[in-house]
Amino acid sequence: MADRPSPEEQVRALYDDAESRTAKAMEQLVARPAFGEVLAWSTENVLAVGKIATDTFDLVVRNLRLAGRQDVNRLARQLNRTEDKLELVLQEIENLQDELRSARSNGSSRSGSRRAKQTS
């Protein structure tokens, strides 16, 4: 009875045998050139289906007249240009205000000196 392996050992041996056979079969499968071709085709098909899905989604959004990605990008560019122009206008207004203040201060100092000359 000591010569017979226990059921646990038998299961373990069967598992190891199945694992080694499966590993050999997978190695043979992967070693073939056809496996690489099938893998490449599968990858191409997955990417193509993904592109079709995103194009279809964009088309659905466009047909529903919702703002799509391209619309949002275009509006963002327009908004940036408008903000830049507004910043330039604000800078010019500040420059004109500074010139007006300096002109007023120069004019008030001149008129003050004229008044002092007239009263003397």
N, C-alpha and C. Protein backbone atom coordinates (compact mmCIF):
# COMPACT_ATOMS: atom_id res chain seq x y z
N MET A 1 0.79 -1.19 0.00
CA MET A 1 0.00 0.00 0.00
C MET A 1 0.84 1.26 0.00
N ALA A 2 2.05 1.13 0.49
CA ALA A 2 2.93 2.29 0.53
C ALA A 2 3.39 2.66 -0.87
N ASP A 3 3.32 1.69 -1.84
CA ASP A 3 3.76 1.97 -3.21
C ASP A 3 2.75 2.82 -3.98
N ARG A 4 1.51 2.76 -3.58
CA ARG A 4 0.48 3.52 -4.30
C ARG A 4 0.50 4.99 -3.86
N PRO A 5 0.47 5.92 -4.82
CA PRO A 5 0.44 7.33 -4.44
C PRO A 5 -0.95 7.71 -3.90
N SER A 6 -0.96 8.70 -3.07
CA SER A 6 -2.21 9.16 -2.49
C SER A 6 -3.03 9.89 -3.58
N PRO A 7 -4.35 10.02 -3.36
CA PRO A 7 -5.17 10.74 -4.36
C PRO A 7 -4.67 12.17 -4.60
N GLU A 8 -4.18 12.80 -3.56
CA GLU A 8 -3.66 14.16 -3.71
C GLU A 8 -2.45 14.19 -4.63
N GLU A 9 -1.58 13.23 -4.48
CA GLU A 9 -0.39 13.15 -5.34
C GLU A 9 -0.78 12.82 -6.78
N GLN A 10 -1.81 11.96 -6.95
CA GLN A 10 -2.27 11.63 -8.30
C GLN A 10 -2.83 12.88 -9.00
N VAL A 11 -3.63 13.65 -8.26
CA VAL A 11 -4.19 14.87 -8.83
C VAL A 11 -3.07 15.84 -9.18
N ARG A 12 -2.09 15.95 -8.31
CA ARG A 12 -0.98 16.85 -8.57
C ARG A 12 -0.20 16.42 -9.81
N ALA A 13 0.03 15.12 -9.97
CA ALA A 13 0.74 14.60 -11.14
C ALA A 13 -0.06 14.85 -12.41
N LEU A 14 -1.37 14.62 -12.35
CA LEU A 14 -2.22 14.89 -13.52
C LEU A 14 -2.20 16.38 -13.89
N TYR A 15 -2.26 17.22 -12.88
CA TYR A 15 -2.22 18.67 -13.12
C TYR A 15 -0.90 19.08 -13.76
N ASP A 16 0.21 18.58 -13.25
CA ASP A 16 1.53 18.91 -13.81
C ASP A 16 1.64 18.42 -15.25
N ASP A 17 1.12 17.22 -15.52
CA ASP A 17 1.16 16.67 -16.88
C ASP A 17 0.33 17.53 -17.84
N ALA A 18 -0.87 17.91 -17.40
CA ALA A 18 -1.73 18.74 -18.24
C ALA A 18 -1.09 20.10 -18.48
N GLU A 19 -0.46 20.66 -17.45
CA GLU A 19 0.19 21.95 -17.59
C GLU A 19 1.35 21.89 -18.57
N SER A 20 2.16 20.84 -18.49
CA SER A 20 3.31 20.73 -19.39
C SER A 20 2.85 20.50 -20.83
N ARG A 21 1.79 19.68 -21.04
CA ARG A 21 1.27 19.47 -22.40
C ARG A 21 0.70 20.77 -22.98
N THR A 22 -0.02 21.51 -22.15
CA THR A 22 -0.59 22.78 -22.61
C THR A 22 0.52 23.77 -22.97
N ALA A 23 1.58 23.81 -22.15
CA ALA A 23 2.69 24.72 -22.43
C ALA A 23 3.37 24.35 -23.74
N LYS A 24 3.57 23.06 -23.99
CA LYS A 24 4.18 22.64 -25.26
C LYS A 24 3.31 23.00 -26.45
N ALA A 25 2.00 22.78 -26.30
CA ALA A 25 1.08 23.10 -27.40
C ALA A 25 1.08 24.60 -27.69
N MET A 26 1.09 25.43 -26.64
CA MET A 26 1.12 26.89 -26.83
C MET A 26 2.42 27.34 -27.47
N GLU A 27 3.53 26.74 -27.07
CA GLU A 27 4.81 27.09 -27.67
C GLU A 27 4.83 26.74 -29.15
N GLN A 28 4.26 25.59 -29.51
CA GLN A 28 4.19 25.21 -30.92
C GLN A 28 3.29 26.17 -31.70
N LEU A 29 2.19 26.58 -31.08
CA LEU A 29 1.27 27.49 -31.74
C LEU A 29 1.93 28.84 -31.99
N VAL A 30 2.60 29.36 -30.99
CA VAL A 30 3.22 30.69 -31.11
C VAL A 30 4.42 30.66 -32.03
N ALA A 31 5.07 29.54 -32.16
CA ALA A 31 6.27 29.44 -32.99
C ALA A 31 5.94 29.51 -34.48
N ARG A 32 4.72 29.27 -34.87
CA ARG A 32 4.36 29.26 -36.29
C ARG A 32 4.23 30.69 -36.82
N PRO A 33 4.62 30.91 -38.07
CA PRO A 33 4.48 32.25 -38.67
C PRO A 33 3.01 32.67 -38.79
N ALA A 34 2.13 31.72 -38.94
CA ALA A 34 0.71 32.06 -39.09
C ALA A 34 0.18 32.75 -37.84
N PHE A 35 0.73 32.40 -36.69
CA PHE A 35 0.27 33.04 -35.45
C PHE A 35 0.54 34.54 -35.48
N GLY A 36 1.71 34.92 -35.95
CA GLY A 36 2.05 36.34 -36.05
C GLY A 36 1.13 37.07 -37.02
N GLU A 37 0.82 36.43 -38.13
CA GLU A 37 -0.09 37.03 -39.10
C GLU A 37 -1.48 37.22 -38.51
N VAL A 38 -1.97 36.19 -37.83
CA VAL A 38 -3.30 36.28 -37.21
C VAL A 38 -3.32 37.37 -36.15
N LEU A 39 -2.26 37.47 -35.37
CA LEU A 39 -2.17 38.51 -34.34
C LEU A 39 -2.16 39.90 -34.98
N ALA A 40 -1.42 40.06 -36.06
CA ALA A 40 -1.37 41.36 -36.75
C ALA A 40 -2.74 41.70 -37.34
N TRP A 41 -3.39 40.73 -37.97
CA TRP A 41 -4.72 40.98 -38.53
C TRP A 41 -5.72 41.35 -37.44
N SER A 42 -5.64 40.64 -36.34
CA SER A 42 -6.56 40.93 -35.24
C SER A 42 -6.36 42.35 -34.72
N THR A 43 -5.10 42.74 -34.58
CA THR A 43 -4.81 44.09 -34.10
C THR A 43 -5.33 45.14 -35.08
N GLU A 44 -5.10 44.92 -36.37
CA GLU A 44 -5.60 45.85 -37.38
C GLU A 44 -7.12 45.95 -37.33
N ASN A 45 -7.77 44.80 -37.17
CA ASN A 45 -9.24 44.80 -37.14
C ASN A 45 -9.77 45.52 -35.91
N VAL A 46 -9.13 45.33 -34.78
CA VAL A 46 -9.57 46.01 -33.56
C VAL A 46 -9.42 47.51 -33.72
N LEU A 47 -8.29 47.96 -34.26
CA LEU A 47 -8.08 49.39 -34.47
C LEU A 47 -9.07 49.96 -35.49
N ALA A 48 -9.35 49.20 -36.55
CA ALA A 48 -10.30 49.67 -37.55
C ALA A 48 -11.70 49.79 -36.96
N VAL A 49 -12.10 48.82 -36.17
CA VAL A 49 -13.42 48.88 -35.54
C VAL A 49 -13.49 50.07 -34.57
N GLY A 50 -12.41 50.32 -33.85
CA GLY A 50 -12.37 51.48 -32.95
C GLY A 50 -12.51 52.79 -33.71
N LYS A 51 -11.83 52.90 -34.86
CA LYS A 51 -11.93 54.12 -35.67
C LYS A 51 -13.33 54.28 -36.22
N ILE A 52 -13.93 53.19 -36.68
CA ILE A 52 -15.30 53.26 -37.19
C ILE A 52 -16.25 53.70 -36.08
N ALA A 53 -16.04 53.19 -34.88
CA ALA A 53 -16.91 53.56 -33.76
C ALA A 53 -16.79 55.04 -33.42
N THR A 54 -15.56 55.57 -33.37
CA THR A 54 -15.40 56.99 -33.05
C THR A 54 -15.94 57.88 -34.17
N ASP A 55 -15.74 57.47 -35.43
CA ASP A 55 -16.28 58.25 -36.55
C ASP A 55 -17.81 58.24 -36.51
N THR A 56 -18.38 57.08 -36.20
CA THR A 56 -19.84 56.99 -36.10
C THR A 56 -20.36 57.86 -34.97
N PHE A 57 -19.67 57.85 -33.84
CA PHE A 57 -20.09 58.69 -32.72
C PHE A 57 -20.02 60.17 -33.09
N ASP A 58 -18.95 60.58 -33.76
CA ASP A 58 -18.83 61.97 -34.21
C ASP A 58 -19.96 62.34 -35.16
N LEU A 59 -20.31 61.41 -36.06
CA LEU A 59 -21.39 61.66 -37.00
C LEU A 59 -22.73 61.79 -36.29
N VAL A 60 -22.97 60.94 -35.30
CA VAL A 60 -24.22 61.02 -34.53
C VAL A 60 -24.29 62.36 -33.80
N VAL A 61 -23.20 62.76 -33.18
CA VAL A 61 -23.18 64.04 -32.46
C VAL A 61 -23.44 65.20 -33.44
N ARG A 62 -22.81 65.15 -34.60
CA ARG A 62 -23.00 66.20 -35.60
C ARG A 62 -24.46 66.24 -36.08
N ASN A 63 -25.05 65.06 -36.31
CA ASN A 63 -26.43 65.02 -36.79
C ASN A 63 -27.42 65.47 -35.71
N LEU A 64 -27.07 65.29 -34.46
CA LEU A 64 -27.93 65.77 -33.38
C LEU A 64 -27.74 67.26 -33.13
N ARG A 65 -26.81 67.85 -33.88
CA ARG A 65 -26.49 69.27 -33.78
C ARG A 65 -25.98 69.64 -32.38
N LEU A 66 -25.24 68.73 -31.79
CA LEU A 66 -24.56 69.01 -30.53
C LEU A 66 -23.14 69.45 -30.85
N ALA A 67 -22.56 70.17 -29.94
CA ALA A 67 -21.18 70.62 -30.15
C ALA A 67 -20.25 69.41 -30.04
N GLY A 68 -19.55 69.14 -31.11
CA GLY A 68 -18.60 68.04 -31.12
C GLY A 68 -17.22 68.51 -30.75
N ARG A 69 -16.28 67.59 -30.79
CA ARG A 69 -14.90 67.89 -30.42
C ARG A 69 -14.31 68.96 -31.32
N GLN A 70 -14.54 68.86 -32.63
CA GLN A 70 -13.99 69.85 -33.57
C GLN A 70 -14.61 71.22 -33.32
N ASP A 71 -15.92 71.24 -33.02
CA ASP A 71 -16.58 72.51 -32.75
C ASP A 71 -16.01 73.18 -31.51
N VAL A 72 -15.79 72.38 -30.48
CA VAL A 72 -15.25 72.93 -29.23
C VAL A 72 -13.84 73.45 -29.45
N ASN A 73 -13.03 72.73 -30.21
CA ASN A 73 -11.67 73.18 -30.49
C ASN A 73 -11.67 74.49 -31.29
N ARG A 74 -12.56 74.58 -32.28
CA ARG A 74 -12.64 75.80 -33.08
C ARG A 74 -13.09 76.98 -32.22
N LEU A 75 -14.08 76.75 -31.36
CA LEU A 75 -14.53 77.83 -30.48
C LEU A 75 -13.46 78.24 -29.48
N ALA A 76 -12.67 77.28 -29.02
CA ALA A 76 -11.59 77.60 -28.09
C ALA A 76 -10.55 78.49 -28.77
N ARG A 77 -10.22 78.19 -30.02
CA ARG A 77 -9.26 79.03 -30.75
C ARG A 77 -9.81 80.44 -30.95
N GLN A 78 -11.09 80.53 -31.31
CA GLN A 78 -11.70 81.85 -31.49
C GLN A 78 -11.72 82.63 -30.18
N LEU A 79 -12.03 81.94 -29.09
CA LEU A 79 -12.05 82.60 -27.78
C LEU A 79 -10.66 83.10 -27.40
N ASN A 80 -9.63 82.32 -27.67
CA ASN A 80 -8.26 82.75 -27.37
C ASN A 80 -7.87 83.98 -28.19
N ARG A 81 -8.25 83.99 -29.47
CA ARG A 81 -7.95 85.17 -30.31
C ARG A 81 -8.68 86.40 -29.79
N THR A 82 -9.94 86.22 -29.41
CA THR A 82 -10.72 87.34 -28.89
C THR A 82 -10.14 87.86 -27.58
N GLU A 83 -9.71 86.97 -26.72
CA GLU A 83 -9.09 87.39 -25.46
C GLU A 83 -7.80 88.16 -25.71
N ASP A 84 -7.01 87.71 -26.68
CA ASP A 84 -5.78 88.42 -27.01
C ASP A 84 -6.07 89.84 -27.53
N LYS A 85 -7.07 89.96 -28.39
CA LYS A 85 -7.44 91.28 -28.91
C LYS A 85 -7.96 92.18 -27.80
N LEU A 86 -8.75 91.61 -26.91
CA LEU A 86 -9.28 92.39 -25.79
C LEU A 86 -8.15 92.87 -24.88
N GLU A 87 -7.17 92.03 -24.66
CA GLU A 87 -6.02 92.42 -23.83
C GLU A 87 -5.27 93.59 -24.47
N LEU A 88 -5.11 93.54 -25.80
CA LEU A 88 -4.44 94.65 -26.49
C LEU A 88 -5.25 95.95 -26.37
N VAL A 89 -6.58 95.84 -26.49
CA VAL A 89 -7.43 97.03 -26.37
C VAL A 89 -7.31 97.61 -24.96
N LEU A 90 -7.33 96.74 -23.94
CA LEU A 90 -7.21 97.22 -22.56
C LEU A 90 -5.86 97.90 -22.32
N GLN A 91 -4.80 97.35 -22.86
CA GLN A 91 -3.49 97.98 -22.72
C GLN A 91 -3.47 99.35 -23.38
N GLU A 92 -4.08 99.46 -24.54
CA GLU A 92 -4.12 100.75 -25.24
C GLU A 92 -4.95 101.77 -24.45
N ILE A 93 -6.05 101.32 -23.87
CA ILE A 93 -6.87 102.23 -23.06
C ILE A 93 -6.09 102.72 -21.85
N GLU A 94 -5.34 101.82 -21.20
CA GLU A 94 -4.52 102.24 -20.06
C GLU A 94 -3.47 103.25 -20.48
N ASN A 95 -2.86 103.03 -21.64
CA ASN A 95 -1.86 103.99 -22.14
C ASN A 95 -2.50 105.36 -22.39
N LEU A 96 -3.69 105.35 -23.01
CA LEU A 96 -4.37 106.62 -23.27
C LEU A 96 -4.77 107.32 -21.97
N GLN A 97 -5.21 106.55 -20.96
CA GLN A 97 -5.56 107.15 -19.67
C GLN A 97 -4.33 107.77 -19.01
N ASP A 98 -3.20 107.08 -19.10
CA ASP A 98 -1.96 107.63 -18.54
C ASP A 98 -1.58 108.92 -19.25
N GLU A 99 -1.70 108.96 -20.58
CA GLU A 99 -1.38 110.17 -21.33
C GLU A 99 -2.32 111.31 -20.95
N LEU A 100 -3.60 110.98 -20.77
CA LEU A 100 -4.59 112.00 -20.39
C LEU A 100 -4.28 112.55 -19.01
N ARG A 101 -3.93 111.70 -18.08
CA ARG A 101 -3.57 112.16 -16.73
C ARG A 101 -2.34 113.05 -16.75
N SER A 102 -1.34 112.63 -17.52
CA SER A 102 -0.12 113.44 -17.59
C SER A 102 -0.40 114.78 -18.27
N ALA A 103 -1.26 114.76 -19.27
CA ALA A 103 -1.61 116.02 -19.94
C ALA A 103 -2.37 116.94 -18.98
N ARG A 104 -3.25 116.38 -18.19
CA ARG A 104 -4.01 117.18 -17.22
C ARG A 104 -3.09 117.74 -16.14
N SER A 105 -2.18 116.89 -15.67
CA SER A 105 -1.27 117.38 -14.62
C SER A 105 -0.34 118.45 -15.17
N ASN A 106 0.11 118.33 -16.40
CA ASN A 106 0.94 119.37 -17.02
C ASN A 106 0.13 120.63 -17.26
N GLY A 107 -1.11 120.48 -17.66
CA GLY A 107 -1.97 121.63 -17.89
C GLY A 107 -2.32 122.35 -16.61
N SER A 108 -2.56 121.65 -15.52
CA SER A 108 -2.90 122.30 -14.25
C SER A 108 -1.69 122.99 -13.65
N SER A 109 -0.50 122.44 -13.83
CA SER A 109 0.68 123.11 -13.29
C SER A 109 0.97 124.37 -14.09
N ARG A 110 0.72 124.37 -15.40
CA ARG A 110 0.93 125.56 -16.23
C ARG A 110 -0.11 126.63 -15.89
N SER A 111 -1.37 126.20 -15.73
CA SER A 111 -2.39 127.20 -15.43
C SER A 111 -2.18 127.76 -14.03
N GLY A 112 -1.65 126.98 -13.11
CA GLY A 112 -1.35 127.46 -11.77
C GLY A 112 -0.23 128.46 -11.79
N SER A 113 0.76 128.27 -12.63
CA SER A 113 1.85 129.22 -12.72
C SER A 113 1.41 130.50 -13.42
N ARG A 114 0.45 130.39 -14.36
CA ARG A 114 -0.08 131.55 -15.03
C ARG A 114 -0.87 132.41 -14.04
N ARG A 115 -1.65 131.75 -13.20
CA ARG A 115 -2.44 132.47 -12.21
C ARG A 115 -1.52 133.22 -11.23
N ALA A 116 -0.46 132.56 -10.87
CA ALA A 116 0.47 133.21 -9.93
C ALA A 116 1.12 134.41 -10.58
N LYS A 117 1.41 134.37 -11.86
CA LYS A 117 2.02 135.50 -12.56
C LYS A 117 1.01 136.63 -12.72
N GLN A 118 -0.25 136.25 -12.97
CA GLN A 118 -1.27 137.28 -13.18
C GLN A 118 -1.58 138.04 -11.89
N THR A 119 -1.58 137.41 -10.76
CA THR A 119 -1.90 138.08 -9.49
C THR A 119 -0.74 138.94 -8.99
N SER A 120 0.48 138.70 -9.44
CA SER A 120 1.60 139.47 -8.95
C SER A 120 1.78 140.71 -9.67
